[in-house]
Every structure is written in C-alpha cells, then in structure tokens.
Amino acid sequence: MQHYLNYIDGQWLNADRQITVMNPGTGEPYATIAQAGIEDADQAMAAARRCVNSGALSDVRPAQRTTWMLKAAEAIRAIADEGGLVACRENGKSLNDARDEFIEAARYFEYYAGMADKIEGISVPLGKDYVDFTQYVPFGVSVQIVPWNFPVSICARSLAPALAAGNAVVIKSPEISPLAMTLLVKAVEEAGFPKGAVNLLCGKGSEVGSHLVQHADTNQIVFTGSVPTGQRILKDAAERATPSVMELGGKSAAIALADVDLDTLLASVKVGIFFNAGQVCSAMSRLLVQRSRYDEVKAAVVALAESLTIGQGEGNPDLTPVVSEGQQQQVLAMIEQARAEGATVLTGGVAPDLSGYFVAPTVIEATADMSIAQQEVFGPVLVIMPFDDEDDAVALANGTDFGLVAGVFGEGLNQTLRVANRLRGGQVFINEWFAGGIETPFGGVGLSGFGREKGQEAIYSYVQTRNIGIRLRQG
C-alpha cells in the first residue's frame, strides 16, 4: 500500500504512528498515512508563526500573492486526474465528482488570486487637522479543520482566501479521507509560497485538532463539520476569544408549490439528496409538497430513487457508498429509529447486497416532530411530507434548529420569491438546488453556524480592521 506523509515547514515528514485509510467501495484497506501527534502540531504552529513574524507572506506586494495563487491553481489543475482517482478510492465518491473537486479547488485559487490585491481600506474624514484611515490586516495563523465529505474543495475554500489575505495556515485533515489533500498541498507547494505558509497534519481530532484549537499561537479557527464537534471547538475558542468561522450541519427543506414543474423538481431531488450519497451539509434532506400535488410527487420521487444505479465510484454510478462502515451503521440506525417512531419507509432503508459501505436510496414519509425530520442524517435519505398553504410550508421549513440552505420550486415568480424571503437560511435556491458557485456567499444561521465562505464576502473572514489616526502638527 502507498504511504502518505504530513507537510510541515516546507518538508514532507513521516511519523511513528500511521492511520490506515479504507476504500468505502470495497471495504478493504487502500493506503496508509503518517499520524501526526502533539509534537508535530507544535512544529507546524511554530513554522506558521515564523512565517507570520517574518512578513514573508504578508509584507510582500499583494500582487506577489496573486502570482503564487495563480501558479497554485495551474498546478492543481494539472493533477486533477491523478488526484481524482485517489479521492474516489479513499472517499467512495464517483470518479467524475472526485476529479471535479480538484477543478473546483483550482477555481478557488484563481478566484481569490483576483482579490489578493484588492483588499482596500477607507479614508475617514475627521477634519483638516487629522488623517485617518483603515487597513485590513491578516489574523496571522489560521487553523483550519477540514471535513471528510469534500476534503479537497473545502480545504481550498478556506486555504485560498486565507493565503490571499496574507495568513499562514495549519490544516488538520480528516482521518477518514486525508490522502487527496496531500496532492492538493503538493500542488500548492509548487507555487513557491514561503516556508511555513501552508502546513498539513493528519491526526486524531480529539488529539491534534483539539491541541491546535487551544494553541496559544492560533489567531483564527475555520471549521466545517458536525454540530457537536463545532460546539466543543467553540467552547475551547472562548478561552482565548479566538475568532472563528463555523460551517456546521443542516436539515434543509425544499418546498414544492402547487405549480411546480415535476421534471425540474426531480432533477434537483436527484442531485440534492443522492449526490455524494447524501453526505452534503446543504443536502435536500426534506421535501415539502403542496397537498394537491403530494401523491403525484411522492410516487415520482420513489420511482426516481428506485431507478438509480448503485456502485463503486470508479464506474460513475448515480449512488456511491457512504464514507465508512461507521457512517453506514449510523444512517441505518436512524432509519430504524424513524420506523420505530411510526414513519413509513417508502423505498430503500437497507444496505444493498454489495461489498463496501452502501445504503440504498431511501425515501421516508414522516411528520415534522419525528427525529428523522429534525436531525441530520448525512446519507441518501429523503424525508417527504405534505403542506396545505404558504404559512404551513414556511413553518415546516423553518421548524428545525438548523438554517443552512432552503429551496422553493414553482412557476410563479411572485410566489416563489415571496416564500424564499421568508425562509431561514444563509442561502435559498429557487428552481435549482445547489444553484450558485464559488462566487456566491455560503454559510448558515442557528445550529448551522456563522460566518461566510465563498464569494467576495469570504475574504473578509480572513482579515481584521485596523484604524490609524494621525494628528497633524500645526504651524
């Protein structure tokens, strides 16, 4: 098996311990990676601090950071095929989607390269005897904890704007799927960033992740992942009042109005809940349908689920495995809990007779008070329920502790926009789930977190405002 390393202070380093990474499509070991420990974390933090203190990244002309960013983007694109195959095998996702993660990562570097020299302050008028202005300055050392579902693209989503703004970064990769991220960082290394600007550690979250969060040299925390882990991180961050960006879970609802176009809706259901086996924070995990169309839509959604091809990612099927045996068992347990509470499993709800960690595409009819309608499953499980009118639909959609995304489907612009404006979420889609791109701000409210990633707004998550006031000498 191939063995992967950690990246600290411009060097690829081994460790005494290692982690075995499984192939979710086969259930067999795929590769190993060096398991970082506390000493490695301290070494990475020291390297990042030296980079910050030297000014090698922050004091150069911003156009130099633009040059580095564009070189990184070019190098990432060049390894998309190689990296995509690694991501497919370690994560279980389709080969096409895994390759697209690298292309998306390159786009993040291209996009924020264009902003590196445009982070501009303002002049504040205080009268003729004063000159007052603001500067946006980097935080310093940004600790970034990356989830396992889209490790390459989510890593780039925070790494690119952090570097563009002049921060040094220490990344903690997910133990389940850390391998493709090493290829991403190798590509970034080729761009010529200063030593210590980027560091990559694969270690246990409870050990290395916790240590990084509590480290005295941590100036910012960026986390994407589950609510319980995010809450633990925030408690630790509070000790030092460390600024944080939190993108947590979701239980997002799509509202299908009476005039919904069925084909448009079904296309979004397919990608909204079955893409990446439903392991998406912003997945369409609930579908609310106006009662007059409910039976028709329910039948069509069940037929869609039952028509999907299932298999290993290299064959680019409609549905791939979930990431691990533990994830598979958790999803199946939540389905069984739904049955126990009286929900109806319309299709799926089982593990197909395949090697690997698969869950059949599942559609469940439930009521709003059931746990399956309130808790994030993170699997290919869609909850469907009817509503009577707009007020009912909005109440159901907003009736969880989450607020990441939401969606409305219907032909009437006035009604869809009116409903969209009432929904609780950081991003609302109309007639296409996942509408948008790297240019559109993304983040949640409530238990879905705070702060924004993506788009121009995200760059300001990686800087803080400094005001400088000058009293001019008279005479």
Protein backbone atom coordinates (compact mmCIF):
# COMPACT_ATOMS: atom_id res chain seq x y z
CA MET A 1 0.00 0.00 0.00
CA GLN A 2 1.13 3.53 -0.69
CA HIS A 3 2.11 5.61 2.33
CA TYR A 4 1.44 9.36 2.62
CA LEU A 5 3.16 12.00 4.77
CA ASN A 6 2.47 15.22 6.66
CA TYR A 7 3.72 18.59 5.41
CA ILE A 8 5.41 20.85 7.98
CA ASP A 9 7.60 23.91 7.37
CA GLY A 10 8.22 23.04 3.73
CA GLN A 11 9.07 19.37 4.37
CA TRP A 12 7.19 16.11 3.93
CA LEU A 13 7.61 14.20 7.20
CA ASN A 14 6.79 10.72 8.46
CA ALA A 15 5.62 9.80 11.97
CA ASP A 16 6.00 6.88 14.36
CA ARG A 17 2.30 6.05 14.06
CA GLN A 18 0.13 5.64 11.00
CA ILE A 19 -3.54 5.59 10.02
CA THR A 20 -4.98 3.04 7.62
CA VAL A 21 -7.40 4.54 5.09
CA MET A 22 -10.17 2.27 3.79
CA ASN A 23 -11.76 2.14 0.34
CA PRO A 24 -15.51 2.55 1.04
CA GLY A 25 -16.40 0.93 -2.26
CA THR A 26 -14.74 -2.36 -1.32
CA GLY A 27 -14.44 -2.22 2.46
CA GLU A 28 -10.74 -3.01 2.13
CA PRO A 29 -7.60 -1.07 3.17
CA TYR A 30 -6.40 1.33 0.47
CA ALA A 31 -3.38 3.24 1.82
CA THR A 32 -1.69 4.49 4.98
CA ILE A 33 -0.74 7.96 6.16
CA ALA A 34 1.58 9.23 8.89
CA GLN A 35 -0.39 10.02 12.05
CA ALA A 36 0.61 13.39 13.42
CA GLY A 37 0.85 13.91 17.16
CA ILE A 38 1.18 16.84 19.55
CA GLU A 39 4.86 17.43 18.76
CA ASP A 40 4.06 17.59 15.04
CA ALA A 41 1.26 20.06 15.74
CA ASP A 42 3.60 22.26 17.75
CA GLN A 43 6.19 22.09 14.98
CA ALA A 44 3.61 23.15 12.39
CA MET A 45 2.35 26.00 14.56
CA ALA A 46 5.91 27.22 15.14
CA ALA A 47 6.56 27.18 11.39
CA ALA A 48 3.40 29.15 10.71
CA ARG A 49 4.28 31.68 13.41
CA ARG A 50 7.78 32.16 11.95
CA CYS A 51 6.22 32.78 8.55
CA VAL A 52 3.86 35.37 10.04
CA ASN A 53 6.58 37.11 12.04
CA SER A 54 8.94 37.26 9.07
CA GLY A 55 6.38 39.04 6.90
CA ALA A 56 7.36 36.75 4.02
CA LEU A 57 3.71 36.31 3.12
CA SER A 58 2.00 39.41 4.49
CA ASP A 59 4.56 42.15 3.78
CA VAL A 60 5.13 41.44 0.09
CA ARG A 61 3.22 43.40 -2.53
CA PRO A 62 -0.22 41.78 -2.78
CA ALA A 63 0.40 41.17 -6.48
CA GLN A 64 3.09 38.66 -5.44
CA ARG A 65 0.45 36.65 -3.58
CA THR A 66 -1.69 36.81 -6.74
CA THR A 67 1.20 35.28 -8.69
CA TRP A 68 1.63 32.46 -6.17
CA MET A 69 -2.13 31.80 -6.16
CA LEU A 70 -2.35 31.53 -9.95
CA LYS A 71 0.65 29.19 -10.05
CA ALA A 72 -1.06 27.02 -7.43
CA ALA A 73 -4.26 26.93 -9.48
CA GLU A 74 -2.34 25.79 -12.55
CA ALA A 75 -0.58 23.05 -10.59
CA ILE A 76 -3.86 21.84 -9.07
CA ARG A 77 -5.49 21.58 -12.48
CA ALA A 78 -2.54 19.56 -13.72
CA ILE A 79 -3.11 16.82 -11.12
CA ALA A 80 -6.91 16.64 -11.33
CA ASP A 81 -6.92 13.20 -12.94
CA GLU A 82 -4.36 11.69 -10.57
CA GLY A 83 -5.87 13.31 -7.51
CA GLY A 84 -9.40 12.46 -8.56
CA LEU A 85 -8.59 8.76 -8.61
CA VAL A 86 -7.13 8.93 -5.09
CA ALA A 87 -10.15 10.88 -3.81
CA CYS A 88 -12.52 8.40 -5.45
CA ARG A 89 -10.86 5.42 -3.81
CA GLU A 90 -10.43 6.87 -0.32
CA ASN A 91 -13.79 8.65 -0.15
CA GLY A 92 -16.06 6.45 -2.25
CA LYS A 93 -17.41 9.27 -4.41
CA SER A 94 -17.72 8.98 -8.17
CA LEU A 95 -14.58 9.43 -10.23
CA ASN A 96 -16.06 12.38 -12.11
CA ASP A 97 -17.08 14.14 -8.90
CA ALA A 98 -13.68 13.48 -7.33
CA ARG A 99 -11.90 15.00 -10.31
CA ASP A 100 -14.27 17.96 -10.22
CA GLU A 101 -13.19 18.61 -6.62
CA PHE A 102 -9.70 19.41 -7.87
CA ILE A 103 -11.04 21.63 -10.63
CA GLU A 104 -13.14 23.46 -8.05
CA ALA A 105 -10.09 23.78 -5.79
CA ALA A 106 -8.19 25.38 -8.66
CA ARG A 107 -11.07 27.80 -9.20
CA TYR A 108 -10.90 28.90 -5.57
CA PHE A 109 -7.25 29.81 -6.03
CA GLU A 110 -7.99 31.62 -9.29
CA TYR A 111 -10.93 33.50 -7.78
CA TYR A 112 -9.12 34.69 -4.66
CA ALA A 113 -5.96 35.45 -6.64
CA GLY A 114 -8.05 38.19 -8.20
CA MET A 115 -8.85 39.61 -4.75
CA ALA A 116 -5.41 39.49 -3.15
CA ASP A 117 -4.51 42.99 -4.37
CA LYS A 118 -7.99 44.47 -3.87
CA ILE A 119 -8.43 44.27 -0.09
CA GLU A 120 -8.66 48.01 0.34
CA GLY A 121 -9.30 50.17 3.40
CA ILE A 122 -11.01 53.56 3.53
CA SER A 123 -10.20 57.13 4.45
CA VAL A 124 -12.21 58.52 7.37
CA PRO A 125 -12.83 62.33 7.42
CA LEU A 126 -12.04 63.86 10.83
CA GLY A 127 -11.32 67.44 9.81
CA LYS A 128 -8.32 69.34 8.45
CA ASP A 129 -6.01 68.53 11.37
CA TYR A 130 -6.30 64.75 11.03
CA VAL A 131 -5.60 61.94 8.62
CA ASP A 132 -7.45 58.78 9.48
CA PHE A 133 -7.63 55.54 7.52
CA THR A 134 -8.35 51.84 7.89
CA GLN A 135 -6.35 48.81 6.89
CA TYR A 136 -7.39 45.18 6.53
CA VAL A 137 -4.67 43.06 8.10
CA PRO A 138 -4.44 39.25 8.24
CA PHE A 139 -5.20 37.47 11.50
CA GLY A 140 -1.86 35.67 11.49
CA VAL A 141 -2.07 31.90 11.95
CA SER A 142 -5.29 30.34 10.68
CA VAL A 143 -6.06 26.83 11.93
CA GLN A 144 -8.39 25.05 9.51
CA ILE A 145 -10.13 21.77 10.33
CA VAL A 146 -11.44 20.11 7.19
CA PRO A 147 -14.29 17.54 6.96
CA TRP A 148 -14.20 14.22 5.18
CA ASN A 149 -17.02 14.66 2.66
CA PHE A 150 -15.35 17.16 0.27
CA PRO A 151 -11.84 17.42 1.70
CA VAL A 152 -10.10 18.83 -1.36
CA SER A 153 -12.60 21.51 -2.33
CA ILE A 154 -13.44 22.54 1.24
CA CYS A 155 -9.74 22.75 2.08
CA ALA A 156 -9.21 25.05 -0.90
CA ARG A 157 -12.33 27.03 0.01
CA SER A 158 -10.67 28.29 3.18
CA LEU A 159 -6.99 27.93 2.30
CA ALA A 160 -7.16 30.13 -0.81
CA PRO A 161 -8.72 33.25 0.77
CA ALA A 162 -6.56 32.84 3.89
CA LEU A 163 -3.38 32.89 1.80
CA ALA A 164 -4.67 35.67 -0.45
CA ALA A 165 -5.17 37.81 2.66
CA GLY A 166 -1.67 37.03 3.95
CA ASN A 167 -2.30 34.44 6.68
CA ALA A 168 -0.18 31.37 7.36
CA VAL A 169 -2.27 28.21 7.63
CA VAL A 170 -2.14 24.96 9.59
CA ILE A 171 -4.59 22.41 8.19
CA LYS A 172 -5.92 19.40 10.08
CA SER A 173 -7.12 16.84 7.53
CA PRO A 174 -9.85 14.26 8.25
CA GLU A 175 -8.58 10.86 9.36
CA ILE A 176 -11.08 9.05 7.11
CA SER A 177 -10.11 10.71 3.83
CA PRO A 178 -6.81 12.63 4.11
CA LEU A 179 -4.93 11.37 1.08
CA ALA A 180 -6.10 13.56 -1.80
CA MET A 181 -5.43 16.62 0.33
CA THR A 182 -1.73 15.76 0.30
CA LEU A 183 -1.78 16.05 -3.51
CA LEU A 184 -3.53 19.41 -3.21
CA VAL A 185 -0.84 20.70 -0.85
CA LYS A 186 1.94 19.36 -3.10
CA ALA A 187 0.46 21.44 -5.91
CA VAL A 188 0.33 24.50 -3.66
CA GLU A 189 3.95 23.82 -2.66
CA GLU A 190 4.97 24.07 -6.33
CA ALA A 191 3.66 27.64 -6.46
CA GLY A 192 6.52 28.92 -4.29
CA PHE A 193 4.77 30.16 -1.16
CA PRO A 194 7.18 30.92 1.72
CA LYS A 195 8.12 28.11 4.11
CA GLY A 196 5.58 27.74 6.86
CA ALA A 197 2.78 29.42 4.91
CA VAL A 198 0.99 26.07 4.49
CA ASN A 199 1.22 23.09 6.84
CA LEU A 200 -0.81 19.87 6.65
CA LEU A 201 -1.36 17.42 9.52
CA CYS A 202 -3.32 14.19 9.60
CA GLY A 203 -4.09 13.28 13.19
CA LYS A 204 -6.94 12.43 15.50
CA GLY A 205 -9.36 15.28 16.02
CA SER A 206 -9.55 14.60 19.75
CA GLU A 207 -5.77 14.89 20.00
CA VAL A 208 -4.28 17.07 17.27
CA GLY A 209 -7.40 19.03 16.38
CA SER A 210 -8.11 19.90 19.99
CA HIS A 211 -4.50 20.90 20.58
CA LEU A 212 -4.46 23.22 17.57
CA VAL A 213 -7.71 24.88 18.62
CA GLN A 214 -6.35 25.58 22.11
CA HIS A 215 -2.86 26.58 20.96
CA ALA A 216 -1.60 29.98 22.09
CA ASP A 217 -0.41 30.80 18.56
CA THR A 218 -3.81 30.20 16.95
CA ASN A 219 -5.24 33.51 15.74
CA GLN A 220 -8.26 32.15 13.87
CA ILE A 221 -10.21 28.89 13.59
CA VAL A 222 -12.08 27.74 10.50
CA PHE A 223 -14.17 24.61 10.96
CA THR A 224 -16.58 22.67 8.77
CA GLY A 225 -18.24 19.62 10.31
CA SER A 226 -20.78 18.35 12.78
CA VAL A 227 -22.64 20.45 15.33
CA PRO A 228 -21.29 18.59 18.43
CA THR A 229 -17.67 18.97 17.28
CA GLY A 230 -18.24 22.60 16.38
CA GLN A 231 -19.70 23.28 19.80
CA ARG A 232 -16.67 21.71 21.51
CA ILE A 233 -14.34 23.83 19.37
CA LEU A 234 -16.26 27.00 20.21
CA LYS A 235 -16.01 26.26 23.93
CA ASP A 236 -12.24 25.94 23.59
CA ALA A 237 -12.05 29.02 21.36
CA ALA A 238 -13.89 31.04 24.00
CA GLU A 239 -10.96 30.60 26.41
CA ARG A 240 -8.80 32.85 24.23
CA ALA A 241 -11.63 34.65 22.41
CA THR A 242 -10.28 33.21 19.15
CA PRO A 243 -12.25 34.42 16.09
CA SER A 244 -13.93 31.51 14.32
CA VAL A 245 -15.78 30.67 11.12
CA MET A 246 -18.21 27.79 11.66
CA GLU A 247 -20.00 25.88 8.89
CA LEU A 248 -21.96 23.17 10.65
CA GLY A 249 -24.83 20.85 9.82
CA GLY A 250 -28.15 21.25 8.09
CA LYS A 251 -31.61 19.78 7.72
CA SER A 252 -32.55 21.74 4.66
CA ALA A 253 -36.00 21.73 3.12
CA ALA A 254 -37.22 22.18 -0.43
CA ILE A 255 -40.77 23.50 -0.86
CA ALA A 256 -42.64 22.24 -3.93
CA LEU A 257 -45.56 24.55 -4.65
CA ALA A 258 -48.74 23.52 -6.45
CA ASP A 259 -47.46 24.81 -9.82
CA VAL A 260 -44.11 23.06 -9.57
CA ASP A 261 -42.66 21.63 -12.77
CA LEU A 262 -42.15 17.97 -11.94
CA ASP A 263 -39.12 17.38 -14.18
CA THR A 264 -37.34 20.43 -12.74
CA LEU A 265 -38.04 19.23 -9.22
CA LEU A 266 -36.91 15.65 -9.86
CA ALA A 267 -33.62 16.82 -11.37
CA SER A 268 -32.92 18.74 -8.17
CA VAL A 269 -34.03 15.87 -5.92
CA LYS A 270 -31.57 13.57 -7.67
CA VAL A 271 -28.61 15.85 -7.08
CA GLY A 272 -29.93 17.40 -3.88
CA ILE A 273 -30.05 14.24 -1.74
CA PHE A 274 -28.36 11.45 -3.70
CA PHE A 275 -25.22 13.28 -4.86
CA ASN A 276 -22.22 12.04 -2.85
CA ALA A 277 -24.57 9.57 -1.14
CA GLY A 278 -26.29 12.45 0.64
CA GLN A 279 -23.13 13.34 2.55
CA VAL A 280 -23.53 17.05 1.94
CA CYS A 281 -24.12 19.70 4.62
CA SER A 282 -26.52 21.52 2.32
CA ALA A 283 -28.32 18.41 1.06
CA MET A 284 -32.03 18.50 0.27
CA SER A 285 -32.88 16.28 3.22
CA ARG A 286 -36.55 17.28 3.42
CA LEU A 287 -39.10 17.71 0.63
CA LEU A 288 -42.31 19.57 1.47
CA VAL A 289 -45.03 19.23 -1.17
CA GLN A 290 -48.32 21.12 -1.53
CA ARG A 291 -51.07 18.67 -0.74
CA SER A 292 -52.76 18.96 -4.15
CA ARG A 293 -49.61 17.54 -5.81
CA TYR A 294 -48.38 15.36 -2.95
CA ASP A 295 -49.37 11.89 -4.18
CA GLU A 296 -48.06 12.60 -7.68
CA VAL A 297 -44.72 13.96 -6.47
CA LYS A 298 -44.30 11.22 -3.87
CA ALA A 299 -44.77 8.49 -6.48
CA ALA A 300 -42.33 10.18 -8.86
CA VAL A 301 -39.67 10.62 -6.17
CA VAL A 302 -39.93 6.97 -5.13
CA ALA A 303 -39.63 5.91 -8.79
CA LEU A 304 -36.57 8.13 -9.16
CA ALA A 305 -34.90 6.61 -6.10
CA GLU A 306 -35.59 3.09 -7.33
CA SER A 307 -34.16 3.86 -10.77
CA LEU A 308 -30.73 4.95 -9.55
CA THR A 309 -27.67 2.88 -10.35
CA ILE A 310 -25.56 1.91 -7.33
CA GLY A 311 -21.89 1.00 -7.32
CA GLN A 312 -18.27 1.89 -6.70
CA GLY A 313 -17.20 5.39 -7.60
CA GLU A 314 -14.87 4.45 -10.44
CA GLY A 315 -17.88 3.42 -12.52
CA ASN A 316 -19.59 6.81 -12.01
CA PRO A 317 -22.93 5.40 -10.80
CA ASP A 318 -25.83 7.54 -9.57
CA LEU A 319 -25.27 6.46 -5.97
CA THR A 320 -21.92 5.71 -4.37
CA PRO A 321 -21.12 4.26 -0.92
CA VAL A 322 -21.06 6.30 2.25
CA VAL A 323 -17.60 7.01 3.56
CA SER A 324 -17.20 4.34 6.25
CA GLU A 325 -18.78 1.38 7.98
CA GLY A 326 -19.48 3.60 10.97
CA GLN A 327 -21.33 6.10 8.79
CA GLN A 328 -23.30 3.29 7.16
CA GLN A 329 -24.39 1.92 10.52
CA GLN A 330 -25.32 5.38 11.80
CA VAL A 331 -27.54 6.07 8.78
CA LEU A 332 -29.24 2.67 9.03
CA ALA A 333 -29.80 3.17 12.77
CA MET A 334 -31.53 6.49 12.13
CA ILE A 335 -33.78 4.83 9.57
CA GLU A 336 -34.71 2.15 12.10
CA GLN A 337 -35.43 4.84 14.68
CA ALA A 338 -37.75 6.50 12.17
CA ARG A 339 -39.62 3.23 11.72
CA ALA A 340 -39.92 2.87 15.48
CA GLU A 341 -41.43 6.36 15.71
CA GLY A 342 -44.07 5.49 13.10
CA ALA A 343 -42.53 6.85 9.90
CA THR A 344 -43.12 4.96 6.65
CA VAL A 345 -40.12 3.87 4.60
CA LEU A 346 -41.43 4.18 1.05
CA THR A 347 -38.32 2.72 -0.54
CA GLY A 348 -34.79 1.75 0.48
CA GLY A 349 -33.87 1.80 4.13
CA VAL A 350 -31.45 -1.13 3.84
CA ALA A 351 -27.86 -1.90 2.94
CA PRO A 352 -27.70 -3.40 -0.58
CA ASP A 353 -26.02 -6.76 -1.00
CA LEU A 354 -22.74 -5.26 -2.17
CA SER A 355 -19.20 -5.19 -0.80
CA GLY A 356 -18.42 -1.81 0.69
CA TYR A 357 -20.44 0.65 2.75
CA PHE A 358 -23.64 1.22 0.80
CA VAL A 359 -27.07 2.48 1.84
CA ALA A 360 -29.91 2.11 -0.64
CA PRO A 361 -31.53 5.38 -1.79
CA THR A 362 -34.23 5.94 0.80
CA VAL A 363 -37.46 7.95 0.86
CA ILE A 364 -39.33 8.25 4.16
CA GLU A 365 -42.78 9.68 4.81
CA ALA A 366 -42.70 11.31 8.24
CA THR A 367 -44.19 14.06 10.34
CA ALA A 368 -42.34 17.16 11.49
CA ASP A 369 -42.00 16.02 15.10
CA MET A 370 -40.14 12.81 14.25
CA SER A 371 -36.38 12.65 14.79
CA ILE A 372 -35.75 11.79 11.13
CA ALA A 373 -37.32 15.15 10.20
CA GLN A 374 -35.28 17.10 12.75
CA GLN A 375 -31.82 15.51 12.85
CA GLU A 376 -29.14 15.50 10.18
CA VAL A 377 -28.70 12.01 8.70
CA PHE A 378 -25.80 12.67 6.31
CA GLY A 379 -26.80 9.86 4.00
CA PRO A 380 -29.04 9.20 0.97
CA VAL A 381 -32.25 9.63 2.96
CA LEU A 382 -35.05 11.99 1.90
CA VAL A 383 -37.94 12.86 4.21
CA ILE A 384 -41.15 13.82 2.38
CA MET A 385 -44.30 15.38 3.84
CA PRO A 386 -47.29 17.46 2.63
CA PHE A 387 -48.28 21.02 3.47
CA ASP A 388 -51.51 22.96 2.99
CA ASP A 389 -50.55 26.59 2.30
CA GLU A 390 -47.62 29.01 2.30
CA ASP A 391 -47.71 29.65 6.02
CA ASP A 392 -47.72 25.92 6.69
CA ALA A 393 -44.81 25.36 4.28
CA VAL A 394 -42.70 28.13 5.79
CA ALA A 395 -43.39 26.93 9.33
CA LEU A 396 -42.31 23.39 8.42
CA ALA A 397 -39.23 24.53 6.52
CA ASN A 398 -38.11 26.80 9.36
CA GLY A 399 -39.10 24.31 12.05
CA THR A 400 -35.66 22.91 12.92
CA ASP A 401 -32.66 24.25 14.82
CA PHE A 402 -30.70 24.48 11.57
CA GLY A 403 -30.58 27.20 8.92
CA LEU A 404 -28.02 26.41 6.24
CA VAL A 405 -29.93 26.44 2.93
CA ALA A 406 -33.50 26.10 1.69
CA GLY A 407 -35.29 25.94 -1.64
CA VAL A 408 -38.54 26.78 -3.40
CA PHE A 409 -39.87 25.19 -6.58
CA GLY A 410 -42.73 26.67 -8.57
CA GLU A 411 -43.54 28.51 -11.79
CA GLY A 412 -44.81 31.79 -10.35
CA LEU A 413 -42.02 34.28 -9.70
CA ASN A 414 -44.04 36.36 -7.25
CA GLN A 415 -44.92 33.39 -5.06
CA THR A 416 -41.54 31.66 -5.16
CA LEU A 417 -39.72 34.87 -4.29
CA ARG A 418 -42.23 35.71 -1.56
CA VAL A 419 -41.74 32.30 0.04
CA ALA A 420 -37.95 32.45 -0.41
CA ASN A 421 -37.81 35.71 1.51
CA ARG A 422 -39.49 34.06 4.50
CA LEU A 423 -37.14 31.08 4.74
CA ARG A 424 -34.45 30.80 7.41
CA GLY A 425 -31.11 30.04 5.85
CA GLY A 426 -27.90 31.54 4.61
CA GLN A 427 -28.67 30.57 1.01
CA VAL A 428 -32.02 29.99 -0.68
CA PHE A 429 -32.40 28.27 -4.05
CA ILE A 430 -35.30 28.82 -6.45
CA ASN A 431 -35.96 26.09 -9.04
CA GLU A 432 -32.47 24.58 -8.80
CA TRP A 433 -30.87 23.00 -5.77
CA PHE A 434 -27.20 24.00 -5.38
CA ALA A 435 -27.69 27.00 -7.70
CA GLY A 436 -24.66 29.25 -7.42
CA GLY A 437 -20.96 28.54 -7.24
CA ILE A 438 -17.72 29.64 -5.66
CA GLU A 439 -18.77 33.23 -6.32
CA THR A 440 -21.82 33.04 -4.04
CA PRO A 441 -21.54 33.50 -0.23
CA PHE A 442 -22.26 30.36 1.77
CA GLY A 443 -22.94 29.81 5.45
CA GLY A 444 -25.71 29.31 7.94
CA VAL A 445 -27.64 30.57 10.91
CA GLY A 446 -28.71 28.79 14.10
CA LEU A 447 -27.03 25.43 14.59
CA SER A 448 -25.75 25.64 11.03
CA GLY A 449 -23.06 28.04 12.20
CA PHE A 450 -21.93 31.56 11.39
CA GLY A 451 -19.55 33.40 9.12
CA ARG A 452 -19.47 33.12 5.35
CA GLU A 453 -17.30 31.14 2.97
CA LYS A 454 -17.11 31.59 -0.82
CA GLY A 455 -17.66 34.75 -2.81
CA GLN A 456 -16.07 38.14 -2.23
CA GLU A 457 -17.57 38.32 1.25
CA ALA A 458 -15.43 35.39 2.41
CA ILE A 459 -12.13 37.25 2.04
CA TYR A 460 -13.19 39.49 4.92
CA SER A 461 -13.45 36.45 7.18
CA TYR A 462 -9.64 36.26 6.97
CA VAL A 463 -8.76 39.86 7.84
CA GLN A 464 -9.43 42.27 10.68
CA THR A 465 -9.80 46.02 10.53
CA ARG A 466 -7.08 48.28 11.91
CA ASN A 467 -7.71 52.01 12.21
CA ILE A 468 -4.86 54.52 12.11
CA GLY A 469 -5.49 58.09 13.19
CA ILE A 470 -2.90 60.85 12.73
CA ARG A 471 -2.97 64.26 14.43
CA LEU A 472 -1.14 66.66 12.13
CA ARG A 473 1.26 69.17 13.67
CA GLN A 474 0.09 72.72 13.18
CA GLY A 475 2.27 75.60 12.04
